[in-house]
Amino acid sequence: MHMGRRSSAATITEVARAAEVSAATVSRVFNNRFVGDPTVAERVRRVAGELAYTPNHTARSLALGKTRAVALVVPDLANPAFQAILSSLSKAASRDGYRVLVADSEESAVDEPLLVDEVRRRCDAVVLCAPRMPDADLLSVAARLEPLVLINRPSPRIDAPSLSIDYGSGIRDLAQHLYELGHRHIVFLEGPPGSLSNRQRLDGLAAFAHQVGDVRLERRPGGVSTEDGVATAERVMATGATAVLAFNDLVAIGLLDGLHRLGARVPQDISVSGFDDIPFAKYTTPPLTTASVPNTELGTQAWHRMRALLRGEEPDHNLVFEPRVELRDSTAPPARGRGRITD
């Protein structure tokens, strides 16, 4: 029976019904994967033409696993550190004809497993930066995400390339800098309790305190944002500490603002240091002492390993970067008579 042309395109279900086959058969015909009777394929194509059916190339790419897109999953895209990773990853991927989709978990470790499952269905692979995700959840989703590259989440139990930062050594070096300036009472503004990088910082500070002996290290809730930093200013001043190690630069920048509002001078009254060396850090008042993390290099190296996985090649070995302390004007020796532990 002859069918007239339609004014609107048909769906794959309508083509399947008219050709008296399944939708899966229609899909296989247009994906060049049909291996049955050639007359069936001919009938499907004829009916599709009569119904003005046009294959959904995006869906086809997803079905074939060839979207030429990879996803970057981060906990907070508002953080310039993650923006730097995204920028360098995107530039490196584009040179090989790939684009990068980005998914922001908004610091919700609970939602991350669902988020990464969803985004994996829309692309060929995942670059995962999930420092807050519980170990059990990470192990559960890892196999479903392959090809997978991990950033700041090394795991010997997951067979995926890994790039990470030695946060323990970075915080030790910052603490050592403050110690050599004469500070003996230091506050650490912690990051999220479930964060792997926060645990690494705590381990590094514990090792530092054990090594030097004569230092008082206090832990206070800090957070990850500038707003969190502003909110800590009164609590920090109440400790009587002469120096602060912030979880990251955003917290440190917020703290600088909060201290200024209280009339406290940095570094004359209290020294402040951050972590990451985001682009704004050198332009604060005063410029921020911090530990520099090569986030741009992280993105580039992540793509090199992802490209190898996509090509079926052996990726380069895992890398652990050591931060470098950038000394600026937000740290100085404590005022005379302050900073020493008294009995």
C-alpha atoms as a PDB file:
ATOM      1  CA  MET A   1       0.000   0.000   0.000  1.00  0.00           C
ATOM      2  CA  HIS A   2       1.345   3.374  -0.957  1.00  0.00           C
ATOM      3  CA  MET A   3       1.644   5.947   1.850  1.00  0.00           C
ATOM      4  CA  GLY A   4       1.615   9.658   1.116  1.00  0.00           C
ATOM      5  CA  ARG A   5       4.270  11.984   2.500  1.00  0.00           C
ATOM      6  CA  ARG A   6       3.641  13.675   5.808  1.00  0.00           C
ATOM      7  CA  SER A   7       4.134  17.310   6.670  1.00  0.00           C
ATOM      8  CA  SER A   8       6.039  16.392   9.871  1.00  0.00           C
ATOM      9  CA  ALA A   9       8.738  13.812  10.521  1.00  0.00           C
ATOM     10  CA  ALA A  10       7.724  10.443  11.925  1.00  0.00           C
ATOM     11  CA  THR A  11       9.118   8.839  15.046  1.00  0.00           C
ATOM     12  CA  ILE A  12      11.108   5.625  15.108  1.00  0.00           C
ATOM     13  CA  THR A  13       8.103   3.902  16.728  1.00  0.00           C
ATOM     14  CA  GLU A  14       5.834   4.911  13.858  1.00  0.00           C
ATOM     15  CA  VAL A  15       8.347   3.643  11.300  1.00  0.00           C
ATOM     16  CA  ALA A  16       8.628   0.343  13.143  1.00  0.00           C
ATOM     17  CA  ARG A  17       4.856  -0.100  13.272  1.00  0.00           C
ATOM     18  CA  ALA A  18       4.406   0.713   9.564  1.00  0.00           C
ATOM     19  CA  ALA A  19       7.273  -1.595   8.533  1.00  0.00           C
ATOM     20  CA  GLU A  20       6.039  -4.316  10.870  1.00  0.00           C
ATOM     21  CA  VAL A  21       9.348  -4.596  12.725  1.00  0.00           C
ATOM     22  CA  SER A  22      10.617  -3.555  16.144  1.00  0.00           C
ATOM     23  CA  ALA A  23      12.049  -0.123  16.933  1.00  0.00           C
ATOM     24  CA  ALA A  24      15.342  -1.867  17.678  1.00  0.00           C
ATOM     25  CA  THR A  25      15.411  -3.208  14.122  1.00  0.00           C
ATOM     26  CA  VAL A  26      14.849   0.286  12.714  1.00  0.00           C
ATOM     27  CA  SER A  27      17.688   1.549  14.896  1.00  0.00           C
ATOM     28  CA  ARG A  28      20.021  -1.217  13.723  1.00  0.00           C
ATOM     29  CA  VAL A  29      19.207  -0.535  10.068  1.00  0.00           C
ATOM     30  CA  PHE A  30      20.083   3.147  10.354  1.00  0.00           C
ATOM     31  CA  ASN A  31      23.164   2.410  12.463  1.00  0.00           C
ATOM     32  CA  ASN A  32      24.352  -0.064   9.789  1.00  0.00           C
ATOM     33  CA  ARG A  33      24.216  -2.873  12.340  1.00  0.00           C
ATOM     34  CA  PHE A  34      21.371  -4.908  10.859  1.00  0.00           C
ATOM     35  CA  VAL A  35      22.488  -8.418   9.801  1.00  0.00           C
ATOM     36  CA  GLY A  36      19.099  -9.980   8.928  1.00  0.00           C
ATOM     37  CA  ASP A  37      17.159 -10.370   5.690  1.00  0.00           C
ATOM     38  CA  PRO A  38      18.185  -7.567   3.272  1.00  0.00           C
ATOM     39  CA  THR A  39      14.576  -7.223   2.147  1.00  0.00           C
ATOM     40  CA  VAL A  40      13.630  -6.235   5.708  1.00  0.00           C
ATOM     41  CA  ALA A  41      16.257  -3.481   5.738  1.00  0.00           C
ATOM     42  CA  GLU A  42      15.005  -2.335   2.309  1.00  0.00           C
ATOM     43  CA  ARG A  43      11.426  -2.202   3.591  1.00  0.00           C
ATOM     44  CA  VAL A  44      12.466  -0.209   6.671  1.00  0.00           C
ATOM     45  CA  ARG A  45      14.307   2.370   4.552  1.00  0.00           C
ATOM     46  CA  ARG A  46      11.402   2.625   2.097  1.00  0.00           C
ATOM     47  CA  VAL A  47       8.855   3.157   4.850  1.00  0.00           C
ATOM     48  CA  ALA A  48      11.117   5.656   6.609  1.00  0.00           C
ATOM     49  CA  GLY A  49      11.369   7.644   3.387  1.00  0.00           C
ATOM     50  CA  GLU A  50       7.636   7.657   2.883  1.00  0.00           C
ATOM     51  CA  LEU A  51       7.087   8.825   6.458  1.00  0.00           C
ATOM     52  CA  ALA A  52       9.841  11.469   6.245  1.00  0.00           C
ATOM     53  CA  TYR A  53      11.683   9.815   9.118  1.00  0.00           C
ATOM     54  CA  THR A  54      15.065  11.388   9.980  1.00  0.00           C
ATOM     55  CA  PRO A  55      17.366   9.533  12.415  1.00  0.00           C
ATOM     56  CA  ASN A  56      18.288  11.379  15.587  1.00  0.00           C
ATOM     57  CA  HIS A  57      22.035  11.660  15.128  1.00  0.00           C
ATOM     58  CA  THR A  58      22.587  12.646  18.726  1.00  0.00           C
ATOM     59  CA  ALA A  59      20.801   9.523  19.911  1.00  0.00           C
ATOM     60  CA  ARG A  60      22.712   7.502  17.346  1.00  0.00           C
ATOM     61  CA  SER A  61      26.015   8.854  18.634  1.00  0.00           C
ATOM     62  CA  LEU A  62      25.044   7.928  22.164  1.00  0.00           C
ATOM     63  CA  ALA A  63      24.027   4.427  21.101  1.00  0.00           C
ATOM     64  CA  LEU A  64      27.329   3.925  19.343  1.00  0.00           C
ATOM     65  CA  GLY A  65      29.324   5.431  22.205  1.00  0.00           C
ATOM     66  CA  LYS A  66      30.799   8.029  19.862  1.00  0.00           C
ATOM     67  CA  THR A  67      29.511  11.396  20.974  1.00  0.00           C
ATOM     68  CA  ARG A  68      33.038  12.821  20.810  1.00  0.00           C
ATOM     69  CA  ALA A  69      32.267  14.431  24.151  1.00  0.00           C
ATOM     70  CA  VAL A  70      33.638  13.776  27.616  1.00  0.00           C
ATOM     71  CA  ALA A  71      32.284  15.033  30.915  1.00  0.00           C
ATOM     72  CA  LEU A  72      34.100  16.818  33.713  1.00  0.00           C
ATOM     73  CA  VAL A  73      32.370  16.415  37.079  1.00  0.00           C
ATOM     74  CA  VAL A  74      33.400  18.917  39.772  1.00  0.00           C
ATOM     75  CA  PRO A  75      32.081  19.785  43.240  1.00  0.00           C
ATOM     76  CA  ASP A  76      31.924  23.567  42.689  1.00  0.00           C
ATOM     77  CA  LEU A  77      32.419  25.294  39.353  1.00  0.00           C
ATOM     78  CA  ALA A  78      32.309  28.680  41.097  1.00  0.00           C
ATOM     79  CA  ASN A  79      35.766  27.872  42.476  1.00  0.00           C
ATOM     80  CA  PRO A  80      38.395  29.278  40.046  1.00  0.00           C
ATOM     81  CA  ALA A  81      40.587  26.222  40.727  1.00  0.00           C
ATOM     82  CA  PHE A  82      38.019  23.987  39.003  1.00  0.00           C
ATOM     83  CA  GLN A  83      37.487  26.586  36.282  1.00  0.00           C
ATOM     84  CA  ALA A  84      41.203  26.345  35.456  1.00  0.00           C
ATOM     85  CA  ILE A  85      40.965  22.559  35.165  1.00  0.00           C
ATOM     86  CA  LEU A  86      37.921  22.873  32.899  1.00  0.00           C
ATOM     87  CA  SER A  87      39.564  25.487  30.674  1.00  0.00           C
ATOM     88  CA  SER A  88      42.759  23.526  30.057  1.00  0.00           C
ATOM     89  CA  LEU A  89      40.907  20.218  29.661  1.00  0.00           C
ATOM     90  CA  SER A  90      38.547  21.773  27.104  1.00  0.00           C
ATOM     91  CA  LYS A  91      41.364  23.333  25.090  1.00  0.00           C
ATOM     92  CA  ALA A  92      43.348  20.095  24.990  1.00  0.00           C
ATOM     93  CA  ALA A  93      40.279  18.025  24.069  1.00  0.00           C
ATOM     94  CA  SER A  94      39.200  20.407  21.307  1.00  0.00           C
ATOM     95  CA  ARG A  95      42.510  19.948  19.520  1.00  0.00           C
ATOM     96  CA  ASP A  96      41.562  16.275  19.150  1.00  0.00           C
ATOM     97  CA  GLY A  97      38.020  17.028  18.032  1.00  0.00           C
ATOM     98  CA  TYR A  98      36.304  16.459  21.380  1.00  0.00           C
ATOM     99  CA  ARG A  99      34.183  18.780  23.470  1.00  0.00           C
ATOM    100  CA  VAL A 100      33.822  18.814  27.246  1.00  0.00           C
ATOM    101  CA  LEU A 101      30.521  18.814  29.109  1.00  0.00           C
ATOM    102  CA  VAL A 102      30.635  19.983  32.712  1.00  0.00           C
ATOM    103  CA  ALA A 103      28.516  18.848  35.655  1.00  0.00           C
ATOM    104  CA  ASP A 104      28.575  20.640  39.009  1.00  0.00           C
ATOM    105  CA  SER A 105      27.529  18.606  42.061  1.00  0.00           C
ATOM    106  CA  GLU A 106      27.248  21.810  44.134  1.00  0.00           C
ATOM    107  CA  GLU A 107      29.235  20.257  46.986  1.00  0.00           C
ATOM    108  CA  SER A 108      26.634  17.508  47.438  1.00  0.00           C
ATOM    109  CA  ALA A 109      28.477  14.230  47.904  1.00  0.00           C
ATOM    110  CA  VAL A 110      25.127  12.453  48.275  1.00  0.00           C
ATOM    111  CA  ASP A 111      24.018  13.500  44.781  1.00  0.00           C
ATOM    112  CA  GLU A 112      27.311  12.806  43.022  1.00  0.00           C
ATOM    113  CA  PRO A 113      26.738   9.086  42.216  1.00  0.00           C
ATOM    114  CA  LEU A 114      23.424   9.868  40.509  1.00  0.00           C
ATOM    115  CA  LEU A 115      24.924  12.842  38.730  1.00  0.00           C
ATOM    116  CA  VAL A 116      27.879  10.948  37.286  1.00  0.00           C
ATOM    117  CA  ASP A 117      25.617   8.089  36.148  1.00  0.00           C
ATOM    118  CA  GLU A 118      23.382  10.563  34.339  1.00  0.00           C
ATOM    119  CA  VAL A 119      26.191  12.475  32.663  1.00  0.00           C
ATOM    120  CA  ARG A 120      27.945   9.280  31.544  1.00  0.00           C
ATOM    121  CA  ARG A 121      24.898   8.396  29.432  1.00  0.00           C
ATOM    122  CA  ARG A 122      25.412  11.606  27.479  1.00  0.00           C
ATOM    123  CA  CYS A 123      29.092  11.259  26.618  1.00  0.00           C
ATOM    124  CA  ASP A 124      31.921   8.846  25.859  1.00  0.00           C
ATOM    125  CA  ALA A 125      33.888   9.116  29.111  1.00  0.00           C
ATOM    126  CA  VAL A 126      34.215  10.944  32.434  1.00  0.00           C
ATOM    127  CA  VAL A 127      36.936  12.995  34.109  1.00  0.00           C
ATOM    128  CA  LEU A 128      35.896  12.848  37.744  1.00  0.00           C
ATOM    129  CA  CYS A 129      36.948  15.336  40.378  1.00  0.00           C
ATOM    130  CA  ALA A 130      34.951  14.131  43.388  1.00  0.00           C
ATOM    131  CA  PRO A 131      36.942  14.767  46.571  1.00  0.00           C
ATOM    132  CA  ARG A 132      33.794  14.590  48.722  1.00  0.00           C
ATOM    133  CA  MET A 133      32.316  11.312  47.404  1.00  0.00           C
ATOM    134  CA  PRO A 134      32.467   8.467  49.972  1.00  0.00           C
ATOM    135  CA  ASP A 135      34.874   5.661  49.079  1.00  0.00           C
ATOM    136  CA  ALA A 136      32.090   3.073  48.864  1.00  0.00           C
ATOM    137  CA  ASP A 137      30.133   5.197  46.377  1.00  0.00           C
ATOM    138  CA  LEU A 138      33.237   5.832  44.281  1.00  0.00           C
ATOM    139  CA  LEU A 139      34.007   2.118  44.062  1.00  0.00           C
ATOM    140  CA  SER A 140      30.388   1.414  43.158  1.00  0.00           C
ATOM    141  CA  VAL A 141      30.187   3.838  40.222  1.00  0.00           C
ATOM    142  CA  ALA A 142      33.737   3.598  38.863  1.00  0.00           C
ATOM    143  CA  ALA A 143      33.202   0.562  36.622  1.00  0.00           C
ATOM    144  CA  ARG A 144      30.074   2.112  35.084  1.00  0.00           C
ATOM    145  CA  LEU A 145      31.932   5.308  34.192  1.00  0.00           C
ATOM    146  CA  GLU A 146      34.788   3.816  32.167  1.00  0.00           C
ATOM    147  CA  PRO A 147      36.699   5.246  30.411  1.00  0.00           C
ATOM    148  CA  LEU A 148      37.473   7.182  33.572  1.00  0.00           C
ATOM    149  CA  VAL A 149      40.204   9.565  34.729  1.00  0.00           C
ATOM    150  CA  LEU A 150      40.352  10.608  38.395  1.00  0.00           C
ATOM    151  CA  ILE A 151      41.500  14.033  39.593  1.00  0.00           C
ATOM    152  CA  ASN A 152      42.314  14.574  43.272  1.00  0.00           C
ATOM    153  CA  ARG A 153      40.844  11.221  44.179  1.00  0.00           C
ATOM    154  CA  PRO A 154      43.551   8.532  43.982  1.00  0.00           C
ATOM    155  CA  SER A 155      42.369   5.012  44.754  1.00  0.00           C
ATOM    156  CA  PRO A 156      44.495   1.860  44.470  1.00  0.00           C
ATOM    157  CA  ARG A 157      41.265  -0.148  44.194  1.00  0.00           C
ATOM    158  CA  ILE A 158      40.160   1.559  40.968  1.00  0.00           C
ATOM    159  CA  ASP A 159      41.843   0.774  37.668  1.00  0.00           C
ATOM    160  CA  ALA A 160      41.804   4.300  36.249  1.00  0.00           C
ATOM    161  CA  PRO A 161      44.485   6.924  35.592  1.00  0.00           C
ATOM    162  CA  SER A 162      44.852   9.320  38.494  1.00  0.00           C
ATOM    163  CA  LEU A 163      46.188  12.851  38.937  1.00  0.00           C
ATOM    164  CA  SER A 164      46.372  14.349  42.395  1.00  0.00           C
ATOM    165  CA  ILE A 165      47.859  17.002  44.650  1.00  0.00           C
ATOM    166  CA  ASP A 166      49.942  16.290  47.745  1.00  0.00           C
ATOM    167  CA  TYR A 167      47.859  18.475  50.038  1.00  0.00           C
ATOM    168  CA  GLY A 168      49.670  17.135  53.095  1.00  0.00           C
ATOM    169  CA  SER A 169      53.060  18.421  51.978  1.00  0.00           C
ATOM    170  CA  GLY A 170      51.548  21.717  50.832  1.00  0.00           C
ATOM    171  CA  ILE A 171      49.947  22.495  54.191  1.00  0.00           C
ATOM    172  CA  ARG A 172      53.100  21.383  56.036  1.00  0.00           C
ATOM    173  CA  ASP A 173      55.171  23.824  54.004  1.00  0.00           C
ATOM    174  CA  LEU A 174      52.765  26.658  54.775  1.00  0.00           C
ATOM    175  CA  ALA A 175      52.774  25.789  58.468  1.00  0.00           C
ATOM    176  CA  GLN A 176      56.571  25.625  58.432  1.00  0.00           C
ATOM    177  CA  HIS A 177      56.683  29.101  56.853  1.00  0.00           C
ATOM    178  CA  LEU A 178      54.494  30.496  59.639  1.00  0.00           C
ATOM    179  CA  TYR A 179      56.565  28.694  62.257  1.00  0.00           C
ATOM    180  CA  GLU A 180      59.802  30.150  60.914  1.00  0.00           C
ATOM    181  CA  LEU A 181      58.244  33.618  61.080  1.00  0.00           C
ATOM    182  CA  GLY A 182      57.761  33.008  64.818  1.00  0.00           C
ATOM    183  CA  HIS A 183      54.111  31.953  65.011  1.00  0.00           C
ATOM    184  CA  ARG A 184      53.384  29.379  67.693  1.00  0.00           C
ATOM    185  CA  HIS A 185      49.586  29.635  67.875  1.00  0.00           C
ATOM    186  CA  ILE A 186      47.968  28.803  64.523  1.00  0.00           C
ATOM    187  CA  VAL A 187      44.350  28.132  63.519  1.00  0.00           C
ATOM    188  CA  PHE A 188      43.418  25.812  60.658  1.00  0.00           C
ATOM    189  CA  LEU A 189      40.056  26.580  59.048  1.00  0.00           C
ATOM    190  CA  GLU A 190      38.892  23.139  57.926  1.00  0.00           C
ATOM    191  CA  GLY A 191      37.158  22.208  54.707  1.00  0.00           C
ATOM    192  CA  PRO A 192      34.216  19.787  54.387  1.00  0.00           C
ATOM    193  CA  PRO A 193      34.513  16.925  56.909  1.00  0.00           C
ATOM    194  CA  GLY A 194      34.130  14.247  54.217  1.00  0.00           C
ATOM    195  CA  SER A 195      36.713  15.770  51.907  1.00  0.00           C
ATOM    196  CA  LEU A 196      39.740  13.611  51.138  1.00  0.00           C
ATOM    197  CA  SER A 197      41.905  16.687  50.625  1.00  0.00           C
ATOM    198  CA  ASN A 198      40.826  18.005  54.038  1.00  0.00           C
ATOM    199  CA  ARG A 199      41.902  14.717  55.652  1.00  0.00           C
ATOM    200  CA  GLN A 200      45.240  14.991  53.877  1.00  0.00           C
ATOM    201  CA  ARG A 201      45.692  18.504  55.217  1.00  0.00           C
ATOM    202  CA  LEU A 202      44.896  17.347  58.746  1.00  0.00           C
ATOM    203  CA  ASP A 203      47.403  14.503  58.463  1.00  0.00           C
ATOM    204  CA  GLY A 204      50.032  16.928  57.200  1.00  0.00           C
ATOM    205  CA  LEU A 205      49.434  19.330  60.089  1.00  0.00           C
ATOM    206  CA  ALA A 206      49.560  16.498  62.630  1.00  0.00           C
ATOM    207  CA  ALA A 207      52.944  15.433  61.250  1.00  0.00           C
ATOM    208  CA  PHE A 208      54.166  19.029  61.348  1.00  0.00           C
ATOM    209  CA  ALA A 209      53.054  19.571  64.959  1.00  0.00           C
ATOM    210  CA  HIS A 210      54.710  16.322  66.021  1.00  0.00           C
ATOM    211  CA  GLN A 211      57.938  17.348  64.328  1.00  0.00           C
ATOM    212  CA  VAL A 212      58.299  20.848  65.790  1.00  0.00           C
ATOM    213  CA  GLY A 213      56.701  20.200  69.159  1.00  0.00           C
ATOM    214  CA  ASP A 214      56.285  23.758  70.438  1.00  0.00           C
ATOM    215  CA  VAL A 215      53.257  24.858  68.427  1.00  0.00           C
ATOM    216  CA  ARG A 216      49.574  25.113  69.259  1.00  0.00           C
ATOM    217  CA  LEU A 217      47.367  24.146  66.331  1.00  0.00           C
ATOM    218  CA  GLU A 218      43.626  24.725  66.648  1.00  0.00           C
ATOM    219  CA  ARG A 219      40.984  23.411  64.243  1.00  0.00           C
ATOM    220  CA  ARG A 220      37.888  25.436  63.445  1.00  0.00           C
ATOM    221  CA  PRO A 221      35.076  24.826  60.929  1.00  0.00           C
ATOM    222  CA  GLY A 222      35.805  26.810  57.799  1.00  0.00           C
ATOM    223  CA  GLY A 223      34.046  25.684  54.645  1.00  0.00           C
ATOM    224  CA  VAL A 224      34.936  26.262  50.991  1.00  0.00           C
ATOM    225  CA  SER A 225      33.575  29.684  49.958  1.00  0.00           C
ATOM    226  CA  THR A 226      34.322  33.361  50.504  1.00  0.00           C
ATOM    227  CA  GLU A 227      31.092  33.617  52.503  1.00  0.00           C
ATOM    228  CA  ASP A 228      32.375  30.868  54.788  1.00  0.00           C
ATOM    229  CA  GLY A 229      35.598  32.807  55.277  1.00  0.00           C
ATOM    230  CA  VAL A 230      33.787  36.027  56.196  1.00  0.00           C
ATOM    231  CA  ALA A 231      31.684  34.131  58.733  1.00  0.00           C
ATOM    232  CA  THR A 232      34.760  32.793  60.559  1.00  0.00           C
ATOM    233  CA  ALA A 233      36.447  36.139  61.238  1.00  0.00           C
ATOM    234  CA  GLU A 234      35.076  36.707  64.776  1.00  0.00           C
ATOM    235  CA  ARG A 235      35.736  33.111  65.805  1.00  0.00           C
ATOM    236  CA  VAL A 236      39.291  33.327  64.521  1.00  0.00           C
ATOM    237  CA  MET A 237      40.018  36.521  66.449  1.00  0.00           C
ATOM    238  CA  ALA A 238      38.506  34.998  69.587  1.00  0.00           C
ATOM    239  CA  THR A 239      41.120  32.236  69.586  1.00  0.00           C
ATOM    240  CA  GLY A 240      43.968  34.697  70.114  1.00  0.00           C
ATOM    241  CA  ALA A 241      45.963  32.958  67.377  1.00  0.00           C
ATOM    242  CA  THR A 242      48.543  34.952  65.457  1.00  0.00           C
ATOM    243  CA  ALA A 243      48.188  33.101  62.168  1.00  0.00           C
ATOM    244  CA  VAL A 244      45.540  31.262  60.093  1.00  0.00           C
ATOM    245  CA  LEU A 245      45.790  28.476  57.550  1.00  0.00           C
ATOM    246  CA  ALA A 246      42.621  28.539  55.426  1.00  0.00           C
ATOM    247  CA  PHE A 247      41.333  25.447  53.599  1.00  0.00           C
ATOM    248  CA  ASN A 248      41.539  27.272  50.277  1.00  0.00           C
ATOM    249  CA  ASP A 249      42.038  30.714  48.789  1.00  0.00           C
ATOM    250  CA  LEU A 250      38.318  31.504  48.640  1.00  0.00           C
ATOM    251  CA  VAL A 251      37.993  31.001  52.389  1.00  0.00           C
ATOM    252  CA  ALA A 252      41.157  33.040  52.970  1.00  0.00           C
ATOM    253  CA  ILE A 253      39.887  35.903  50.785  1.00  0.00           C
ATOM    254  CA  GLY A 254      36.598  35.951  52.670  1.00  0.00           C
ATOM    255  CA  LEU A 255      38.495  35.932  55.956  1.00  0.00           C
ATOM    256  CA  LEU A 256      40.576  38.923  54.854  1.00  0.00           C
ATOM    257  CA  ASP A 257      37.352  40.844  54.275  1.00  0.00           C
ATOM    258  CA  GLY A 258      35.841  39.738  57.571  1.00  0.00           C
ATOM    259  CA  LEU A 259      38.956  40.712  59.515  1.00  0.00           C
ATOM    260  CA  HIS A 260      39.014  44.106  57.813  1.00  0.00           C
ATOM    261  CA  ARG A 261      35.424  44.726  58.892  1.00  0.00           C
ATOM    262  CA  LEU A 262      36.436  43.948  62.480  1.00  0.00           C
ATOM    263  CA  GLY A 263      39.292  46.432  62.300  1.00  0.00           C
ATOM    264  CA  ALA A 264      41.998  43.760  62.442  1.00  0.00           C
ATOM    265  CA  ARG A 265      45.113  44.407  60.357  1.00  0.00           C
ATOM    266  CA  VAL A 266      46.687  41.710  58.181  1.00  0.00           C
ATOM    267  CA  PRO A 267      49.482  40.792  58.721  1.00  0.00           C
ATOM    268  CA  GLN A 268      50.252  43.175  61.615  1.00  0.00           C
ATOM    269  CA  ASP A 269      47.609  41.701  63.928  1.00  0.00           C
ATOM    270  CA  ILE A 270      47.211  38.281  62.327  1.00  0.00           C
ATOM    271  CA  SER A 271      48.748  36.453  59.365  1.00  0.00           C
ATOM    272  CA  VAL A 272      46.543  34.684  56.809  1.00  0.00           C
ATOM    273  CA  SER A 273      47.424  32.042  54.217  1.00  0.00           C
ATOM    274  CA  GLY A 274      45.318  30.243  51.621  1.00  0.00           C
ATOM    275  CA  PHE A 275      45.664  27.234  49.338  1.00  0.00           C
ATOM    276  CA  ASP A 276      45.423  26.859  45.514  1.00  0.00           C
ATOM    277  CA  ASP A 277      46.856  30.183  44.263  1.00  0.00           C
ATOM    278  CA  ILE A 278      43.773  31.095  42.253  1.00  0.00           C
ATOM    279  CA  PRO A 279      44.223  34.101  39.926  1.00  0.00           C
ATOM    280  CA  PHE A 280      42.672  36.536  42.445  1.00  0.00           C
ATOM    281  CA  ALA A 281      45.093  35.595  45.230  1.00  0.00           C
ATOM    282  CA  LYS A 282      47.862  37.950  44.149  1.00  0.00           C
ATOM    283  CA  TYR A 283      45.433  40.888  43.874  1.00  0.00           C
ATOM    284  CA  THR A 284      43.919  40.820  47.349  1.00  0.00           C
ATOM    285  CA  THR A 285      44.784  43.443  49.959  1.00  0.00           C
ATOM    286  CA  PRO A 286      47.315  42.433  51.077  1.00  0.00           C
ATOM    287  CA  PRO A 287      48.353  39.885  48.409  1.00  0.00           C
ATOM    288  CA  LEU A 288      47.736  36.381  49.729  1.00  0.00           C
ATOM    289  CA  THR A 289      50.432  33.921  50.769  1.00  0.00           C
ATOM    290  CA  THR A 290      49.282  30.537  49.484  1.00  0.00           C
ATOM    291  CA  ALA A 291      50.279  27.132  48.147  1.00  0.00           C
ATOM    292  CA  SER A 292      50.279  27.074  44.353  1.00  0.00           C
ATOM    293  CA  VAL A 293      48.493  24.123  42.721  1.00  0.00           C
ATOM    294  CA  PRO A 294      49.033  23.474  38.956  1.00  0.00           C
ATOM    295  CA  ASN A 295      45.338  23.246  38.064  1.00  0.00           C
ATOM    296  CA  THR A 296      45.944  24.108  34.421  1.00  0.00           C
ATOM    297  CA  GLU A 297      48.439  21.258  34.138  1.00  0.00           C
ATOM    298  CA  LEU A 298      45.938  18.924  35.825  1.00  0.00           C
ATOM    299  CA  GLY A 299      43.432  19.548  33.039  1.00  0.00           C
ATOM    300  CA  THR A 300      45.999  19.075  30.279  1.00  0.00           C
ATOM    301  CA  GLN A 301      47.415  15.888  31.748  1.00  0.00           C
ATOM    302  CA  ALA A 302      43.907  14.534  32.371  1.00  0.00           C
ATOM    303  CA  TRP A 303      43.148  14.858  28.666  1.00  0.00           C
ATOM    304  CA  HIS A 304      46.401  13.136  27.654  1.00  0.00           C
ATOM    305  CA  ARG A 305      45.366  10.106  29.708  1.00  0.00           C
ATOM    306  CA  MET A 306      41.757  10.217  28.555  1.00  0.00           C
ATOM    307  CA  ARG A 307      42.830  10.394  24.897  1.00  0.00           C
ATOM    308  CA  ALA A 308      44.922   7.256  25.388  1.00  0.00           C
ATOM    309  CA  LEU A 309      41.962   5.407  26.929  1.00  0.00           C
ATOM    310  CA  LEU A 310      39.644   6.434  24.103  1.00  0.00           C
ATOM    311  CA  ARG A 311      42.161   5.173  21.560  1.00  0.00           C
ATOM    312  CA  GLY A 312      42.682   1.889  23.363  1.00  0.00           C
ATOM    313  CA  GLU A 313      46.258   2.832  24.259  1.00  0.00           C
ATOM    314  CA  GLU A 314      48.133   2.570  27.556  1.00  0.00           C
ATOM    315  CA  PRO A 315      47.839   5.878  29.460  1.00  0.00           C
ATOM    316  CA  ASP A 316      50.827   7.550  31.092  1.00  0.00           C
ATOM    317  CA  HIS A 317      51.542   6.757  34.733  1.00  0.00           C
ATOM    318  CA  ASN A 318      49.750   8.450  37.608  1.00  0.00           C
ATOM    319  CA  LEU A 319      51.070  11.787  38.838  1.00  0.00           C
ATOM    320  CA  VAL A 320      51.137  13.457  42.245  1.00  0.00           C
ATOM    321  CA  PHE A 321      51.948  17.182  42.165  1.00  0.00           C
ATOM    322  CA  GLU A 322      53.614  18.939  45.090  1.00  0.00           C
ATOM    323  CA  PRO A 323      52.326  22.463  45.745  1.00  0.00           C
ATOM    324  CA  ARG A 324      54.782  25.358  45.864  1.00  0.00           C
ATOM    325  CA  VAL A 325      54.465  28.036  48.562  1.00  0.00           C
ATOM    326  CA  GLU A 326      53.987  31.532  47.156  1.00  0.00           C
ATOM    327  CA  LEU A 327      55.171  34.059  49.723  1.00  0.00           C
ATOM    328  CA  ARG A 328      53.252  37.332  49.647  1.00  0.00           C
ATOM    329  CA  ASP A 329      52.333  40.125  52.030  1.00  0.00           C
ATOM    330  CA  SER A 330      49.528  38.492  54.054  1.00  0.00           C
ATOM    331  CA  THR A 331      52.028  36.754  56.351  1.00  0.00           C
ATOM    332  CA  ALA A 332      54.676  38.332  58.585  1.00  0.00           C
ATOM    333  CA  PRO A 333      56.278  37.774  62.013  1.00  0.00           C
ATOM    334  CA  PRO A 334      53.813  38.122  64.913  1.00  0.00           C
ATOM    335  CA  ALA A 335      53.743  41.371  66.862  1.00  0.00           C
ATOM    336  CA  ARG A 336      56.256  41.494  69.697  1.00  0.00           C
ATOM    337  CA  GLY A 337      55.035  39.583  72.694  1.00  0.00           C
ATOM    338  CA  ARG A 338      52.549  37.506  70.685  1.00  0.00           C
ATOM    339  CA  GLY A 339      52.859  34.089  69.156  1.00  0.00           C
ATOM    340  CA  ARG A 340      54.701  32.214  71.906  1.00  0.00           C
ATOM    341  CA  ILE A 341      53.097  29.473  73.978  1.00  0.00           C
ATOM    342  CA  THR A 342      52.986  30.363  77.651  1.00  0.00           C
ATOM    343  CA  ASP A 343      52.624  28.006  80.570  1.00  0.00           C
END
